[in-house]
């Protein structure tokens, strides 16, 4: 038990420095390329912090553990949306009316609706997962359009930009995020096994939380360092889209049965995505009131998991 606790502590330390390195390097690369903090969060950091989910999902699917594969990804999106944004909103108000962000929030809601369609099928194949891959393509296309537009507006002159050092820092940060996430997942899994908790709870709650921990650390560090708030929202939206549009969509190559009922999870994601989109179009920030609603929703979903399993 002591070894498991030490592993959990070590994983948190590694994740902290991984988030520090990747956040700093991503901002420098984004500024050099002419990307806004929103695009940096959605593309560079969003993809980088989704690496743990990618490896966990494919490893579980390859071993025939579909419940863990899907549960960890859906659970990670629930943790990202309700826990991480909820906690972040307690410390800072985040505006949702950025034009680029509103487009991404529409895609984010589309992802939740596509999840409802995909996860109510009896099997997950490359054909049934096609809506998720289409959503991923639309998301990347919108990022490409934003990139083309914003690159014309930003001064790219950075005399102190060292591409080699920044690339080393970025890759090192992502590597530490992956290693830290893996250690956290293993530590949490070993702890739950020793306590006799079921495999589904490990995947939906603990593994999902473990793989979402890089997003949590990155978001909280962005608040502490007073980074652009769009970086926080972009990180979460980007990570969610990579998780369930790209990663879950790509799991269709394994052709496995879907035996679990994900109704509560999918409806929760549709609810959260709808609130974000509503905030964007009425020009209201994600404030403390919305944060409490999100944190309460996360608590309800976790209580459902614990009661059901």
C-alpha atoms as a PDB file:
ATOM      1  CA  UNK A   1       0.000   0.000   0.000  1.00  0.00           C
ATOM      2  CA  UNK A   2       2.867   2.401   0.806  1.00  0.00           C
ATOM      3  CA  UNK A   3       4.424   1.746  -2.608  1.00  0.00           C
ATOM      4  CA  UNK A   4       1.113   2.587  -4.311  1.00  0.00           C
ATOM      5  CA  UNK A   5       0.849   5.884  -2.388  1.00  0.00           C
ATOM      6  CA  UNK A   6       4.433   6.801  -3.320  1.00  0.00           C
ATOM      7  CA  UNK A   7       3.649   6.017  -6.965  1.00  0.00           C
ATOM      8  CA  UNK A   8       0.644   8.359  -6.842  1.00  0.00           C
ATOM      9  CA  UNK A   9       2.742  11.164  -5.339  1.00  0.00           C
ATOM     10  CA  UNK A  10       5.481  10.670  -7.949  1.00  0.00           C
ATOM     11  CA  UNK A  11       2.919  10.740 -10.767  1.00  0.00           C
ATOM     12  CA  UNK A  12       1.548  14.094  -9.564  1.00  0.00           C
ATOM     13  CA  UNK A  13       5.077  15.584  -9.473  1.00  0.00           C
ATOM     14  CA  UNK A  14       5.830  14.342 -13.003  1.00  0.00           C
ATOM     15  CA  UNK A  15       2.513  15.674 -14.287  1.00  0.00           C
ATOM     16  CA  UNK A  16       3.208  19.078 -12.722  1.00  0.00           C
ATOM     17  CA  UNK A  17       6.507  19.542 -14.525  1.00  0.00           C
ATOM     18  CA  UNK A  18       5.128  17.992 -17.715  1.00  0.00           C
ATOM     19  CA  UNK A  19       2.344  20.569 -17.736  1.00  0.00           C
ATOM     20  CA  UNK A  20       4.852  23.355 -16.973  1.00  0.00           C
ATOM     21  CA  UNK A  21       7.097  22.437 -19.905  1.00  0.00           C
ATOM     22  CA  UNK A  22       4.345  21.749 -22.445  1.00  0.00           C
ATOM     23  CA  UNK A  23       2.418  24.911 -21.555  1.00  0.00           C
ATOM     24  CA  UNK A  24       5.450  27.161 -21.953  1.00  0.00           C
ATOM     25  CA  UNK A  25       6.705  25.517 -25.153  1.00  0.00           C
ATOM     26  CA  UNK A  26       3.240  25.425 -26.742  1.00  0.00           C
ATOM     27  CA  UNK A  27       2.726  29.133 -26.140  1.00  0.00           C
ATOM     28  CA  UNK A  28       6.081  29.953 -27.746  1.00  0.00           C
ATOM     29  CA  UNK A  29       5.362  27.768 -30.778  1.00  0.00           C
ATOM     30  CA  UNK A  30       1.878  29.246 -31.078  1.00  0.00           C
ATOM     31  CA  UNK A  31       3.228  32.806 -30.938  1.00  0.00           C
ATOM     32  CA  UNK A  32       5.876  31.993 -33.540  1.00  0.00           C
ATOM     33  CA  UNK A  33       3.298  30.448 -35.886  1.00  0.00           C
ATOM     34  CA  UNK A  34       0.827  33.245 -35.308  1.00  0.00           C
ATOM     35  CA  UNK A  35      -1.690  31.141 -33.378  1.00  0.00           C
ATOM     36  CA  UNK A  36      -3.978  32.577 -30.717  1.00  0.00           C
ATOM     37  CA  UNK A  37      -4.040  31.071 -27.195  1.00  0.00           C
ATOM     38  CA  UNK A  38      -7.397  29.469 -28.091  1.00  0.00           C
ATOM     39  CA  UNK A  39      -5.914  27.590 -31.058  1.00  0.00           C
ATOM     40  CA  UNK A  40      -2.810  26.650 -29.044  1.00  0.00           C
ATOM     41  CA  UNK A  41      -5.024  25.147 -26.350  1.00  0.00           C
ATOM     42  CA  UNK A  42      -7.259  23.296 -28.798  1.00  0.00           C
ATOM     43  CA  UNK A  43      -4.592  21.903 -31.087  1.00  0.00           C
ATOM     44  CA  UNK A  44      -1.196  21.627 -29.394  1.00  0.00           C
ATOM     45  CA  UNK A  45      -2.089  21.260 -25.710  1.00  0.00           C
ATOM     46  CA  UNK A  46      -5.425  19.539 -26.388  1.00  0.00           C
ATOM     47  CA  UNK A  47      -3.711  16.819 -28.418  1.00  0.00           C
ATOM     48  CA  UNK A  48      -0.719  16.541 -26.098  1.00  0.00           C
ATOM     49  CA  UNK A  49      -2.784  16.068 -22.946  1.00  0.00           C
ATOM     50  CA  UNK A  50      -4.896  13.423 -24.755  1.00  0.00           C
ATOM     51  CA  UNK A  51      -1.910  11.126 -25.262  1.00  0.00           C
ATOM     52  CA  UNK A  52      -2.644   9.108 -22.069  1.00  0.00           C
ATOM     53  CA  UNK A  53      -6.214   8.480 -23.259  1.00  0.00           C
ATOM     54  CA  UNK A  54      -4.917   7.357 -26.654  1.00  0.00           C
ATOM     55  CA  UNK A  55      -2.602   4.708 -25.244  1.00  0.00           C
ATOM     56  CA  UNK A  56      -5.001   3.517 -22.521  1.00  0.00           C
ATOM     57  CA  UNK A  57      -7.907   3.254 -24.997  1.00  0.00           C
ATOM     58  CA  UNK A  58      -6.015   1.307 -27.655  1.00  0.00           C
ATOM     59  CA  UNK A  59      -4.250  -0.980 -25.187  1.00  0.00           C
ATOM     60  CA  UNK A  60      -7.578  -1.875 -23.521  1.00  0.00           C
ATOM     61  CA  UNK A  61      -9.353  -2.367 -26.871  1.00  0.00           C
ATOM     62  CA  UNK A  62      -6.545  -4.569 -28.216  1.00  0.00           C
ATOM     63  CA  UNK A  63      -6.920  -6.745 -25.110  1.00  0.00           C
ATOM     64  CA  UNK A  64     -10.675  -7.074 -25.667  1.00  0.00           C
ATOM     65  CA  UNK A  65     -11.606  -4.906 -22.668  1.00  0.00           C
ATOM     66  CA  UNK A  66     -14.199  -2.746 -24.401  1.00  0.00           C
ATOM     67  CA  UNK A  67     -15.701  -1.508 -21.136  1.00  0.00           C
ATOM     68  CA  UNK A  68     -12.385  -0.046 -20.049  1.00  0.00           C
ATOM     69  CA  UNK A  69     -11.620   1.335 -23.511  1.00  0.00           C
ATOM     70  CA  UNK A  70     -14.920   3.185 -23.932  1.00  0.00           C
ATOM     71  CA  UNK A  71     -15.489   3.880 -20.241  1.00  0.00           C
ATOM     72  CA  UNK A  72     -12.118   5.552 -19.789  1.00  0.00           C
ATOM     73  CA  UNK A  73     -12.645   7.844 -22.792  1.00  0.00           C
ATOM     74  CA  UNK A  74     -16.241   8.817 -21.998  1.00  0.00           C
ATOM     75  CA  UNK A  75     -15.360   9.151 -18.315  1.00  0.00           C
ATOM     76  CA  UNK A  76     -12.391  11.330 -19.204  1.00  0.00           C
ATOM     77  CA  UNK A  77     -14.615  13.688 -21.204  1.00  0.00           C
ATOM     78  CA  UNK A  78     -17.020  13.913 -18.275  1.00  0.00           C
ATOM     79  CA  UNK A  79     -14.129  14.719 -15.926  1.00  0.00           C
ATOM     80  CA  UNK A  80     -12.749  17.315 -18.373  1.00  0.00           C
ATOM     81  CA  UNK A  81     -16.072  19.046 -18.889  1.00  0.00           C
ATOM     82  CA  UNK A  82     -17.624  19.009 -15.439  1.00  0.00           C
ATOM     83  CA  UNK A  83     -14.736  18.605 -12.984  1.00  0.00           C
ATOM     84  CA  UNK A  84     -11.918  20.556 -14.632  1.00  0.00           C
ATOM     85  CA  UNK A  85     -13.969  23.387 -16.149  1.00  0.00           C
ATOM     86  CA  UNK A  86     -16.023  23.443 -12.949  1.00  0.00           C
ATOM     87  CA  UNK A  87     -12.949  23.854 -10.762  1.00  0.00           C
ATOM     88  CA  UNK A  88     -11.374  26.379 -13.140  1.00  0.00           C
ATOM     89  CA  UNK A  89     -14.544  28.489 -13.136  1.00  0.00           C
ATOM     90  CA  UNK A  90     -14.360  28.829  -9.349  1.00  0.00           C
ATOM     91  CA  UNK A  91     -11.122  30.793  -9.691  1.00  0.00           C
ATOM     92  CA  UNK A  92     -11.713  32.792 -12.888  1.00  0.00           C
ATOM     93  CA  UNK A  93     -14.546  33.776 -15.220  1.00  0.00           C
ATOM     94  CA  UNK A  94     -14.094  32.326 -18.713  1.00  0.00           C
ATOM     95  CA  UNK A  95     -15.757  34.051 -21.649  1.00  0.00           C
ATOM     96  CA  UNK A  96     -17.376  31.845 -24.302  1.00  0.00           C
ATOM     97  CA  UNK A  97     -18.264  34.479 -26.927  1.00  0.00           C
ATOM     98  CA  UNK A  98     -15.043  34.317 -28.953  1.00  0.00           C
ATOM     99  CA  UNK A  99     -16.059  33.805 -32.597  1.00  0.00           C
ATOM    100  CA  UNK A 100     -13.684  30.888 -33.165  1.00  0.00           C
ATOM    101  CA  UNK A 101     -14.674  29.312 -29.850  1.00  0.00           C
ATOM    102  CA  UNK A 102     -18.387  29.450 -30.705  1.00  0.00           C
ATOM    103  CA  UNK A 103     -17.707  27.463 -33.868  1.00  0.00           C
ATOM    104  CA  UNK A 104     -15.805  24.873 -31.848  1.00  0.00           C
ATOM    105  CA  UNK A 105     -18.588  24.707 -29.255  1.00  0.00           C
ATOM    106  CA  UNK A 106     -21.038  23.803 -32.023  1.00  0.00           C
ATOM    107  CA  UNK A 107     -18.725  20.973 -33.088  1.00  0.00           C
ATOM    108  CA  UNK A 108     -18.372  19.964 -29.426  1.00  0.00           C
ATOM    109  CA  UNK A 109     -22.162  19.634 -29.108  1.00  0.00           C
ATOM    110  CA  UNK A 110     -22.182  17.704 -32.391  1.00  0.00           C
ATOM    111  CA  UNK A 111     -19.643  15.333 -30.864  1.00  0.00           C
ATOM    112  CA  UNK A 112     -21.964  14.619 -27.927  1.00  0.00           C
ATOM    113  CA  UNK A 113     -24.858  13.894 -30.300  1.00  0.00           C
ATOM    114  CA  UNK A 114     -22.598  11.656 -32.414  1.00  0.00           C
ATOM    115  CA  UNK A 115     -21.610   9.786 -29.241  1.00  0.00           C
ATOM    116  CA  UNK A 116     -25.287   9.114 -28.547  1.00  0.00           C
ATOM    117  CA  UNK A 117     -25.628   7.544 -32.002  1.00  0.00           C
ATOM    118  CA  UNK A 118     -22.391   5.513 -31.852  1.00  0.00           C
ATOM    119  CA  UNK A 119     -22.748   4.188 -28.299  1.00  0.00           C
ATOM    120  CA  UNK A 120     -26.338   3.031 -28.804  1.00  0.00           C
ATOM    121  CA  UNK A 121     -25.201   0.592 -31.524  1.00  0.00           C
ATOM    122  CA  UNK A 122     -24.628  -3.053 -30.605  1.00  0.00           C
ATOM    123  CA  UNK A 123     -21.080  -3.055 -31.981  1.00  0.00           C
ATOM    124  CA  UNK A 124     -18.318  -0.543 -32.585  1.00  0.00           C
ATOM    125  CA  UNK A 125     -16.894  -0.864 -36.089  1.00  0.00           C
ATOM    126  CA  UNK A 126     -15.070   1.518 -38.372  1.00  0.00           C
ATOM    127  CA  UNK A 127     -18.409   2.173 -40.091  1.00  0.00           C
ATOM    128  CA  UNK A 128     -20.466   2.783 -36.939  1.00  0.00           C
ATOM    129  CA  UNK A 129     -17.672   5.034 -35.630  1.00  0.00           C
ATOM    130  CA  UNK A 130     -17.656   7.078 -38.855  1.00  0.00           C
ATOM    131  CA  UNK A 131     -19.716   9.979 -37.360  1.00  0.00           C
ATOM    132  CA  UNK A 132     -16.979  10.513 -34.760  1.00  0.00           C
ATOM    133  CA  UNK A 133     -14.245  10.559 -37.399  1.00  0.00           C
ATOM    134  CA  UNK A 134     -16.288  13.012 -39.473  1.00  0.00           C
ATOM    135  CA  UNK A 135     -16.604  15.294 -36.435  1.00  0.00           C
ATOM    136  CA  UNK A 136     -12.826  15.079 -36.003  1.00  0.00           C
ATOM    137  CA  UNK A 137     -12.322  16.090 -39.647  1.00  0.00           C
ATOM    138  CA  UNK A 138     -14.667  19.077 -39.272  1.00  0.00           C
ATOM    139  CA  UNK A 139     -12.853  20.148 -36.108  1.00  0.00           C
ATOM    140  CA  UNK A 140      -9.421  20.029 -37.745  1.00  0.00           C
ATOM    141  CA  UNK A 141     -10.739  21.895 -40.798  1.00  0.00           C
ATOM    142  CA  UNK A 142     -12.088  24.717 -38.604  1.00  0.00           C
ATOM    143  CA  UNK A 143      -8.742  24.916 -36.805  1.00  0.00           C
ATOM    144  CA  UNK A 144      -7.020  25.140 -40.185  1.00  0.00           C
ATOM    145  CA  UNK A 145      -9.277  28.049 -41.213  1.00  0.00           C
ATOM    146  CA  UNK A 146      -8.582  29.842 -37.906  1.00  0.00           C
ATOM    147  CA  UNK A 147      -4.869  29.231 -38.370  1.00  0.00           C
ATOM    148  CA  UNK A 148      -4.903  30.790 -41.852  1.00  0.00           C
ATOM    149  CA  UNK A 149      -6.842  33.818 -40.637  1.00  0.00           C
ATOM    150  CA  UNK A 150      -4.905  34.519 -37.455  1.00  0.00           C
ATOM    151  CA  UNK A 151      -1.484  34.014 -38.981  1.00  0.00           C
ATOM    152  CA  UNK A 152      -2.053  37.150 -41.051  1.00  0.00           C
ATOM    153  CA  UNK A 153      -2.809  39.189 -37.948  1.00  0.00           C
ATOM    154  CA  UNK A 154       0.018  38.234 -35.601  1.00  0.00           C
ATOM    155  CA  UNK A 155       3.552  39.518 -35.674  1.00  0.00           C
ATOM    156  CA  UNK A 156       5.781  36.457 -35.872  1.00  0.00           C
ATOM    157  CA  UNK A 157       9.039  38.183 -34.927  1.00  0.00           C
ATOM    158  CA  UNK A 158      10.547  36.453 -31.891  1.00  0.00           C
ATOM    159  CA  UNK A 159      14.246  37.084 -31.486  1.00  0.00           C
ATOM    160  CA  UNK A 160      14.567  34.789 -28.458  1.00  0.00           C
ATOM    161  CA  UNK A 161      12.877  31.809 -30.144  1.00  0.00           C
ATOM    162  CA  UNK A 162      15.173  28.757 -30.170  1.00  0.00           C
ATOM    163  CA  UNK A 163      13.344  26.025 -32.140  1.00  0.00           C
ATOM    164  CA  UNK A 164      15.552  23.170 -30.917  1.00  0.00           C
ATOM    165  CA  UNK A 165      15.179  24.003 -27.225  1.00  0.00           C
ATOM    166  CA  UNK A 166      11.455  24.670 -27.565  1.00  0.00           C
ATOM    167  CA  UNK A 167      10.908  21.358 -29.394  1.00  0.00           C
ATOM    168  CA  UNK A 168      12.888  19.465 -26.737  1.00  0.00           C
ATOM    169  CA  UNK A 169      10.848  21.156 -24.024  1.00  0.00           C
ATOM    170  CA  UNK A 170       7.568  20.386 -25.798  1.00  0.00           C
ATOM    171  CA  UNK A 171       8.378  16.725 -26.433  1.00  0.00           C
ATOM    172  CA  UNK A 172       9.778  16.350 -22.924  1.00  0.00           C
ATOM    173  CA  UNK A 173       6.638  17.899 -21.447  1.00  0.00           C
ATOM    174  CA  UNK A 174       4.345  15.608 -23.427  1.00  0.00           C
ATOM    175  CA  UNK A 175       6.499  12.630 -22.504  1.00  0.00           C
ATOM    176  CA  UNK A 176       6.246  13.504 -18.822  1.00  0.00           C
ATOM    177  CA  UNK A 177       2.484  13.961 -19.147  1.00  0.00           C
ATOM    178  CA  UNK A 178       2.235  10.475 -20.639  1.00  0.00           C
ATOM    179  CA  UNK A 179       4.512   8.851 -18.036  1.00  0.00           C
ATOM    180  CA  UNK A 180       2.809  10.684 -15.185  1.00  0.00           C
ATOM    181  CA  UNK A 181      -0.618   9.705 -16.490  1.00  0.00           C
ATOM    182  CA  UNK A 182       0.415   6.067 -16.816  1.00  0.00           C
ATOM    183  CA  UNK A 183       1.832   5.997 -13.283  1.00  0.00           C
ATOM    184  CA  UNK A 184      -1.306   7.612 -11.917  1.00  0.00           C
ATOM    185  CA  UNK A 185      -3.530   5.106 -13.724  1.00  0.00           C
ATOM    186  CA  UNK A 186      -1.464   2.159 -12.495  1.00  0.00           C
ATOM    187  CA  UNK A 187      -1.363   3.480  -8.942  1.00  0.00           C
ATOM    188  CA  UNK A 188      -5.110   4.123  -8.867  1.00  0.00           C
ATOM    189  CA  UNK A 189      -5.830   0.743 -10.470  1.00  0.00           C
ATOM    190  CA  UNK A 190      -3.630  -1.102  -7.956  1.00  0.00           C
ATOM    191  CA  UNK A 191      -5.270   0.786  -5.107  1.00  0.00           C
ATOM    192  CA  UNK A 192      -8.764  -0.119  -6.324  1.00  0.00           C
ATOM    193  CA  UNK A 193      -7.775  -3.747  -6.885  1.00  0.00           C
ATOM    194  CA  UNK A 194      -6.424  -3.999  -3.360  1.00  0.00           C
ATOM    195  CA  UNK A 195      -9.690  -2.529  -2.058  1.00  0.00           C
ATOM    196  CA  UNK A 196     -11.831  -4.881  -4.160  1.00  0.00           C
ATOM    197  CA  UNK A 197     -13.425  -2.235  -6.408  1.00  0.00           C
ATOM    198  CA  UNK A 198     -14.823  -3.416  -9.769  1.00  0.00           C
ATOM    199  CA  UNK A 199     -13.043  -2.966 -13.105  1.00  0.00           C
ATOM    200  CA  UNK A 200     -15.702  -0.660 -14.526  1.00  0.00           C
ATOM    201  CA  UNK A 201     -15.378   1.766 -11.615  1.00  0.00           C
ATOM    202  CA  UNK A 202     -11.619   1.773 -12.116  1.00  0.00           C
ATOM    203  CA  UNK A 203     -12.060   2.706 -15.788  1.00  0.00           C
ATOM    204  CA  UNK A 204     -14.969   5.166 -15.513  1.00  0.00           C
ATOM    205  CA  UNK A 205     -13.787   6.990 -12.406  1.00  0.00           C
ATOM    206  CA  UNK A 206     -10.155   6.367 -11.551  1.00  0.00           C
ATOM    207  CA  UNK A 207      -8.567   5.666 -14.944  1.00  0.00           C
ATOM    208  CA  UNK A 208     -10.660   8.438 -16.509  1.00  0.00           C
ATOM    209  CA  UNK A 209      -9.594  10.840 -13.771  1.00  0.00           C
ATOM    210  CA  UNK A 210      -5.998   9.720 -14.101  1.00  0.00           C
ATOM    211  CA  UNK A 211      -5.890  10.311 -17.846  1.00  0.00           C
ATOM    212  CA  UNK A 212      -7.654  13.677 -17.358  1.00  0.00           C
ATOM    213  CA  UNK A 213      -5.210  14.782 -14.699  1.00  0.00           C
ATOM    214  CA  UNK A 214      -2.837  16.395 -17.248  1.00  0.00           C
ATOM    215  CA  UNK A 215      -5.725  18.620 -18.400  1.00  0.00           C
ATOM    216  CA  UNK A 216      -6.489  19.515 -14.777  1.00  0.00           C
ATOM    217  CA  UNK A 217      -2.871  20.407 -13.993  1.00  0.00           C
ATOM    218  CA  UNK A 218      -2.472  22.371 -17.238  1.00  0.00           C
ATOM    219  CA  UNK A 219      -5.688  24.346 -16.654  1.00  0.00           C
ATOM    220  CA  UNK A 220      -4.943  25.181 -13.017  1.00  0.00           C
ATOM    221  CA  UNK A 221      -1.387  26.192 -13.883  1.00  0.00           C
ATOM    222  CA  UNK A 222      -2.705  28.478 -16.617  1.00  0.00           C
ATOM    223  CA  UNK A 223      -4.854  30.179 -13.952  1.00  0.00           C
ATOM    224  CA  UNK A 224      -1.985  30.469 -11.461  1.00  0.00           C
ATOM    225  CA  UNK A 225       0.343  31.904 -14.099  1.00  0.00           C
ATOM    226  CA  UNK A 226      -2.448  34.240 -15.319  1.00  0.00           C
ATOM    227  CA  UNK A 227      -2.306  32.899 -18.856  1.00  0.00           C
ATOM    228  CA  UNK A 228      -4.984  33.774 -21.424  1.00  0.00           C
ATOM    229  CA  UNK A 229      -8.270  32.174 -20.281  1.00  0.00           C
ATOM    230  CA  UNK A 230      -8.956  30.960 -23.819  1.00  0.00           C
ATOM    231  CA  UNK A 231      -6.050  28.580 -23.287  1.00  0.00           C
ATOM    232  CA  UNK A 232      -8.037  26.807 -20.538  1.00  0.00           C
ATOM    233  CA  UNK A 233     -11.248  26.457 -22.533  1.00  0.00           C
ATOM    234  CA  UNK A 234      -9.336  25.507 -25.678  1.00  0.00           C
ATOM    235  CA  UNK A 235      -7.444  22.828 -23.764  1.00  0.00           C
ATOM    236  CA  UNK A 236     -10.664  21.181 -22.530  1.00  0.00           C
ATOM    237  CA  UNK A 237     -12.636  21.433 -25.774  1.00  0.00           C
ATOM    238  CA  UNK A 238      -9.656  20.255 -27.808  1.00  0.00           C
ATOM    239  CA  UNK A 239      -8.945  17.365 -25.467  1.00  0.00           C
ATOM    240  CA  UNK A 240     -12.597  16.233 -25.500  1.00  0.00           C
ATOM    241  CA  UNK A 241     -12.715  16.301 -29.287  1.00  0.00           C
ATOM    242  CA  UNK A 242      -9.468  14.366 -29.597  1.00  0.00           C
ATOM    243  CA  UNK A 243     -10.639  11.854 -26.956  1.00  0.00           C
ATOM    244  CA  UNK A 244     -13.991  10.866 -28.403  1.00  0.00           C
ATOM    245  CA  UNK A 245     -13.811  12.042 -32.021  1.00  0.00           C
ATOM    246  CA  UNK A 246     -10.338  10.801 -32.928  1.00  0.00           C
ATOM    247  CA  UNK A 247      -9.416   8.196 -30.289  1.00  0.00           C
ATOM    248  CA  UNK A 248     -12.823   6.571 -29.769  1.00  0.00           C
ATOM    249  CA  UNK A 249     -13.508   6.817 -33.491  1.00  0.00           C
ATOM    250  CA  UNK A 250     -10.250   5.027 -34.249  1.00  0.00           C
ATOM    251  CA  UNK A 251     -11.182   2.174 -31.869  1.00  0.00           C
ATOM    252  CA  UNK A 252     -13.639   1.003 -34.540  1.00  0.00           C
ATOM    253  CA  UNK A 253     -10.814  -0.999 -36.118  1.00  0.00           C
ATOM    254  CA  UNK A 254     -11.155  -3.547 -33.289  1.00  0.00           C
ATOM    255  CA  UNK A 255     -14.818  -4.439 -34.075  1.00  0.00           C
ATOM    256  CA  UNK A 256     -16.024  -5.182 -30.537  1.00  0.00           C
ATOM    257  CA  UNK A 257     -19.466  -5.409 -28.933  1.00  0.00           C
ATOM    258  CA  UNK A 258     -20.818  -2.564 -26.801  1.00  0.00           C
ATOM    259  CA  UNK A 259     -22.330  -4.263 -23.761  1.00  0.00           C
ATOM    260  CA  UNK A 260     -22.510  -1.331 -21.317  1.00  0.00           C
ATOM    261  CA  UNK A 261     -25.292   1.250 -21.122  1.00  0.00           C
ATOM    262  CA  UNK A 262     -23.837   4.747 -21.557  1.00  0.00           C
ATOM    263  CA  UNK A 263     -27.167   6.616 -21.509  1.00  0.00           C
ATOM    264  CA  UNK A 264     -26.453   8.672 -18.370  1.00  0.00           C
ATOM    265  CA  UNK A 265     -22.933   9.536 -19.529  1.00  0.00           C
ATOM    266  CA  UNK A 266     -23.983  10.632 -23.015  1.00  0.00           C
ATOM    267  CA  UNK A 267     -26.958  12.701 -21.796  1.00  0.00           C
ATOM    268  CA  UNK A 268     -24.657  14.380 -19.275  1.00  0.00           C
ATOM    269  CA  UNK A 269     -22.206  15.328 -22.025  1.00  0.00           C
ATOM    270  CA  UNK A 270     -25.031  16.690 -24.200  1.00  0.00           C
ATOM    271  CA  UNK A 271     -26.245  18.733 -21.205  1.00  0.00           C
ATOM    272  CA  UNK A 272     -22.793  20.202 -20.515  1.00  0.00           C
ATOM    273  CA  UNK A 273     -22.022  20.928 -24.180  1.00  0.00           C
ATOM    274  CA  UNK A 274     -25.409  22.665 -24.563  1.00  0.00           C
ATOM    275  CA  UNK A 275     -24.719  24.933 -21.576  1.00  0.00           C
ATOM    276  CA  UNK A 276     -21.335  25.975 -22.995  1.00  0.00           C
ATOM    277  CA  UNK A 277     -22.866  26.729 -26.386  1.00  0.00           C
ATOM    278  CA  UNK A 278     -25.696  28.717 -24.737  1.00  0.00           C
ATOM    279  CA  UNK A 279     -23.156  30.765 -22.759  1.00  0.00           C
ATOM    280  CA  UNK A 280     -21.290  31.493 -25.982  1.00  0.00           C
ATOM    281  CA  UNK A 281     -24.350  32.801 -27.795  1.00  0.00           C
ATOM    282  CA  UNK A 282     -25.808  34.888 -24.965  1.00  0.00           C
ATOM    283  CA  UNK A 283     -22.375  36.353 -24.173  1.00  0.00           C
ATOM    284  CA  UNK A 284     -22.200  35.135 -20.572  1.00  0.00           C
ATOM    285  CA  UNK A 285     -19.014  33.765 -18.959  1.00  0.00           C
ATOM    286  CA  UNK A 286     -18.550  30.439 -17.259  1.00  0.00           C
ATOM    287  CA  UNK A 287     -18.805  31.844 -13.739  1.00  0.00           C
ATOM    288  CA  UNK A 288     -19.071  30.410 -10.240  1.00  0.00           C
ATOM    289  CA  UNK A 289     -22.780  29.569 -10.599  1.00  0.00           C
ATOM    290  CA  UNK A 290     -22.176  27.509 -13.730  1.00  0.00           C
ATOM    291  CA  UNK A 291     -19.129  25.961 -12.049  1.00  0.00           C
ATOM    292  CA  UNK A 292     -21.234  24.727  -9.135  1.00  0.00           C
ATOM    293  CA  UNK A 293     -23.745  23.259 -11.611  1.00  0.00           C
ATOM    294  CA  UNK A 294     -20.927  21.463 -13.432  1.00  0.00           C
ATOM    295  CA  UNK A 295     -19.332  20.154 -10.235  1.00  0.00           C
ATOM    296  CA  UNK A 296     -22.726  19.010  -8.996  1.00  0.00           C
ATOM    297  CA  UNK A 297     -23.339  17.177 -12.274  1.00  0.00           C
ATOM    298  CA  UNK A 298     -19.983  15.435 -11.940  1.00  0.00           C
ATOM    299  CA  UNK A 299     -20.883  14.363  -8.418  1.00  0.00           C
ATOM    300  CA  UNK A 300     -24.234  12.968  -9.596  1.00  0.00           C
ATOM    301  CA  UNK A 301     -22.619  10.958 -12.401  1.00  0.00           C
ATOM    302  CA  UNK A 302     -19.965   9.544 -10.063  1.00  0.00           C
ATOM    303  CA  UNK A 303     -22.668   8.625  -7.541  1.00  0.00           C
ATOM    304  CA  UNK A 304     -24.545   6.827 -10.330  1.00  0.00           C
ATOM    305  CA  UNK A 305     -21.416   4.851 -11.233  1.00  0.00           C
ATOM    306  CA  UNK A 306     -20.802   3.868  -7.618  1.00  0.00           C
ATOM    307  CA  UNK A 307     -24.421   2.871  -7.084  1.00  0.00           C
ATOM    308  CA  UNK A 308     -24.749   0.969 -10.371  1.00  0.00           C
ATOM    309  CA  UNK A 309     -21.535  -0.976 -10.028  1.00  0.00           C
END
